[in-house]
Amino acid sequence: MPDGEDWLLRPVVEGMCLYPSLIDGTLSLCDVARINDAISVRNENQRRMEAAAKGR
């Protein structure tokens, strides 16, 4: 998405927050950053788990 909107909307797409929470200021950019970090960690852990399972 243009202008980094994918980063902003990633928590919404992942179901970790609602879009109106971004618009009305319920969530700050710091909150969005933390959620994005958590999503990245989860995805990396999943990738590692799948790679380890294939290696067995």
N, C-alpha and C. Protein backbone atom coordinates (compact mmCIF):
# COMPACT_ATOMS: atom_id res chain seq x y z
N MET A 1 0.84 -1.17 0.00
CA MET A 1 0.00 0.00 0.00
C MET A 1 0.90 1.24 0.00
N PRO A 2 0.42 2.30 -0.57
CA PRO A 2 1.22 3.52 -0.62
C PRO A 2 1.37 4.18 0.75
N ASP A 3 2.46 4.88 0.91
CA ASP A 3 2.68 5.69 2.11
C ASP A 3 2.71 4.90 3.41
N GLY A 4 3.06 3.63 3.36
CA GLY A 4 3.18 2.84 4.58
C GLY A 4 1.87 2.48 5.24
N GLU A 5 0.78 2.62 4.53
CA GLU A 5 -0.52 2.30 5.12
C GLU A 5 -0.63 0.82 5.48
N ASP A 6 0.14 -0.02 4.82
CA ASP A 6 0.10 -1.44 5.15
C ASP A 6 0.55 -1.67 6.60
N TRP A 7 1.56 -0.92 7.04
CA TRP A 7 2.04 -1.02 8.41
C TRP A 7 0.96 -0.58 9.38
N LEU A 8 0.26 0.48 9.03
CA LEU A 8 -0.78 1.01 9.90
C LEU A 8 -1.98 0.08 9.97
N LEU A 9 -2.32 -0.53 8.85
CA LEU A 9 -3.51 -1.38 8.78
C LEU A 9 -3.25 -2.85 9.10
N ARG A 10 -2.00 -3.23 9.20
CA ARG A 10 -1.67 -4.63 9.49
C ARG A 10 -2.36 -5.16 10.74
N PRO A 11 -2.37 -4.44 11.87
CA PRO A 11 -3.08 -4.95 13.05
C PRO A 11 -4.58 -5.16 12.81
N VAL A 12 -5.17 -4.32 11.97
CA VAL A 12 -6.59 -4.48 11.65
C VAL A 12 -6.79 -5.75 10.84
N VAL A 13 -5.97 -5.92 9.81
CA VAL A 13 -6.08 -7.10 8.94
C VAL A 13 -5.84 -8.39 9.74
N GLU A 14 -4.94 -8.31 10.70
CA GLU A 14 -4.63 -9.48 11.54
C GLU A 14 -5.68 -9.72 12.63
N GLY A 15 -6.65 -8.82 12.75
CA GLY A 15 -7.72 -8.99 13.73
C GLY A 15 -7.32 -8.61 15.15
N MET A 16 -6.24 -7.85 15.32
CA MET A 16 -5.78 -7.49 16.65
C MET A 16 -6.33 -6.16 17.14
N CYS A 17 -6.98 -5.42 16.24
CA CYS A 17 -7.66 -4.18 16.64
C CYS A 17 -8.71 -3.85 15.58
N LEU A 18 -9.53 -2.90 15.90
CA LEU A 18 -10.57 -2.47 14.97
C LEU A 18 -10.15 -1.18 14.29
N TYR A 19 -10.54 -1.02 13.06
CA TYR A 19 -10.20 0.17 12.29
C TYR A 19 -10.63 1.46 12.99
N PRO A 20 -11.84 1.52 13.53
CA PRO A 20 -12.23 2.76 14.22
C PRO A 20 -11.29 3.15 15.36
N SER A 21 -10.63 2.18 15.98
CA SER A 21 -9.68 2.48 17.06
C SER A 21 -8.48 3.26 16.53
N LEU A 22 -8.14 3.05 15.27
CA LEU A 22 -7.05 3.81 14.66
C LEU A 22 -7.49 5.23 14.35
N ILE A 23 -8.72 5.35 13.91
CA ILE A 23 -9.24 6.64 13.45
C ILE A 23 -9.57 7.56 14.63
N ASP A 24 -10.15 7.00 15.68
CA ASP A 24 -10.60 7.86 16.78
C ASP A 24 -9.53 8.14 17.83
N GLY A 25 -8.34 7.60 17.62
CA GLY A 25 -7.24 7.87 18.54
C GLY A 25 -7.19 6.97 19.75
N THR A 26 -8.02 5.95 19.79
CA THR A 26 -7.96 5.00 20.89
C THR A 26 -6.57 4.36 20.96
N LEU A 27 -6.02 4.04 19.79
CA LEU A 27 -4.68 3.48 19.71
C LEU A 27 -3.71 4.55 19.22
N SER A 28 -2.57 4.61 19.85
CA SER A 28 -1.52 5.54 19.41
C SER A 28 -0.62 4.84 18.40
N LEU A 29 0.26 5.60 17.79
CA LEU A 29 1.23 4.99 16.88
C LEU A 29 2.16 4.04 17.64
N CYS A 30 2.42 4.33 18.90
CA CYS A 30 3.22 3.41 19.72
C CYS A 30 2.49 2.08 19.89
N ASP A 31 1.18 2.14 20.09
CA ASP A 31 0.39 0.91 20.19
C ASP A 31 0.46 0.12 18.89
N VAL A 32 0.31 0.81 17.78
CA VAL A 32 0.35 0.16 16.47
C VAL A 32 1.73 -0.48 16.26
N ALA A 33 2.79 0.21 16.66
CA ALA A 33 4.14 -0.33 16.52
C ALA A 33 4.30 -1.59 17.37
N ARG A 34 3.80 -1.57 18.60
CA ARG A 34 3.89 -2.76 19.46
C ARG A 34 3.13 -3.93 18.87
N ILE A 35 1.95 -3.65 18.36
CA ILE A 35 1.16 -4.73 17.75
C ILE A 35 1.89 -5.29 16.54
N ASN A 36 2.45 -4.41 15.71
CA ASN A 36 3.21 -4.88 14.55
C ASN A 36 4.40 -5.72 14.98
N ASP A 37 5.09 -5.33 16.03
CA ASP A 37 6.21 -6.12 16.54
C ASP A 37 5.72 -7.50 16.99
N ALA A 38 4.60 -7.53 17.69
CA ALA A 38 4.06 -8.80 18.16
C ALA A 38 3.67 -9.71 16.99
N ILE A 39 3.10 -9.13 15.95
CA ILE A 39 2.74 -9.90 14.76
C ILE A 39 3.99 -10.47 14.10
N SER A 40 5.02 -9.64 14.00
CA SER A 40 6.28 -10.09 13.38
C SER A 40 6.91 -11.22 14.18
N VAL A 41 6.92 -11.10 15.50
CA VAL A 41 7.47 -12.15 16.36
C VAL A 41 6.66 -13.43 16.20
N ARG A 42 5.36 -13.33 16.22
CA ARG A 42 4.51 -14.51 16.05
C ARG A 42 4.79 -15.19 14.71
N ASN A 43 4.87 -14.39 13.65
CA ASN A 43 5.11 -14.96 12.33
C ASN A 43 6.48 -15.62 12.23
N GLU A 44 7.49 -14.99 12.82
CA GLU A 44 8.83 -15.57 12.81
C GLU A 44 8.88 -16.86 13.62
N ASN A 45 8.22 -16.89 14.77
CA ASN A 45 8.16 -18.11 15.57
C ASN A 45 7.46 -19.23 14.81
N GLN A 46 6.39 -18.90 14.11
CA GLN A 46 5.68 -19.89 13.31
C GLN A 46 6.58 -20.43 12.20
N ARG A 47 7.31 -19.52 11.53
CA ARG A 47 8.21 -19.93 10.46
C ARG A 47 9.29 -20.87 11.00
N ARG A 48 9.87 -20.53 12.15
CA ARG A 48 10.91 -21.37 12.74
C ARG A 48 10.37 -22.72 13.17
N MET A 49 9.17 -22.72 13.72
CA MET A 49 8.56 -23.98 14.14
C MET A 49 8.33 -24.89 12.94
N GLU A 50 7.82 -24.32 11.85
CA GLU A 50 7.59 -25.12 10.65
C GLU A 50 8.90 -25.62 10.04
N ALA A 51 9.94 -24.79 10.07
CA ALA A 51 11.24 -25.21 9.54
C ALA A 51 11.82 -26.34 10.39
N ALA A 52 11.68 -26.24 11.70
CA ALA A 52 12.18 -27.28 12.59
C ALA A 52 11.41 -28.58 12.39
N ALA A 53 10.13 -28.48 12.18
CA ALA A 53 9.32 -29.67 11.97
C ALA A 53 9.69 -30.38 10.67
N LYS A 54 10.05 -29.61 9.66
CA LYS A 54 10.47 -30.20 8.38
C LYS A 54 11.83 -30.87 8.51
N GLY A 55 12.65 -30.37 9.42
CA GLY A 55 13.99 -30.91 9.61
C GLY A 55 14.03 -32.22 10.37
N ARG A 56 12.94 -32.61 10.93
CA ARG A 56 12.89 -33.84 11.73
C ARG A 56 12.65 -35.05 10.89
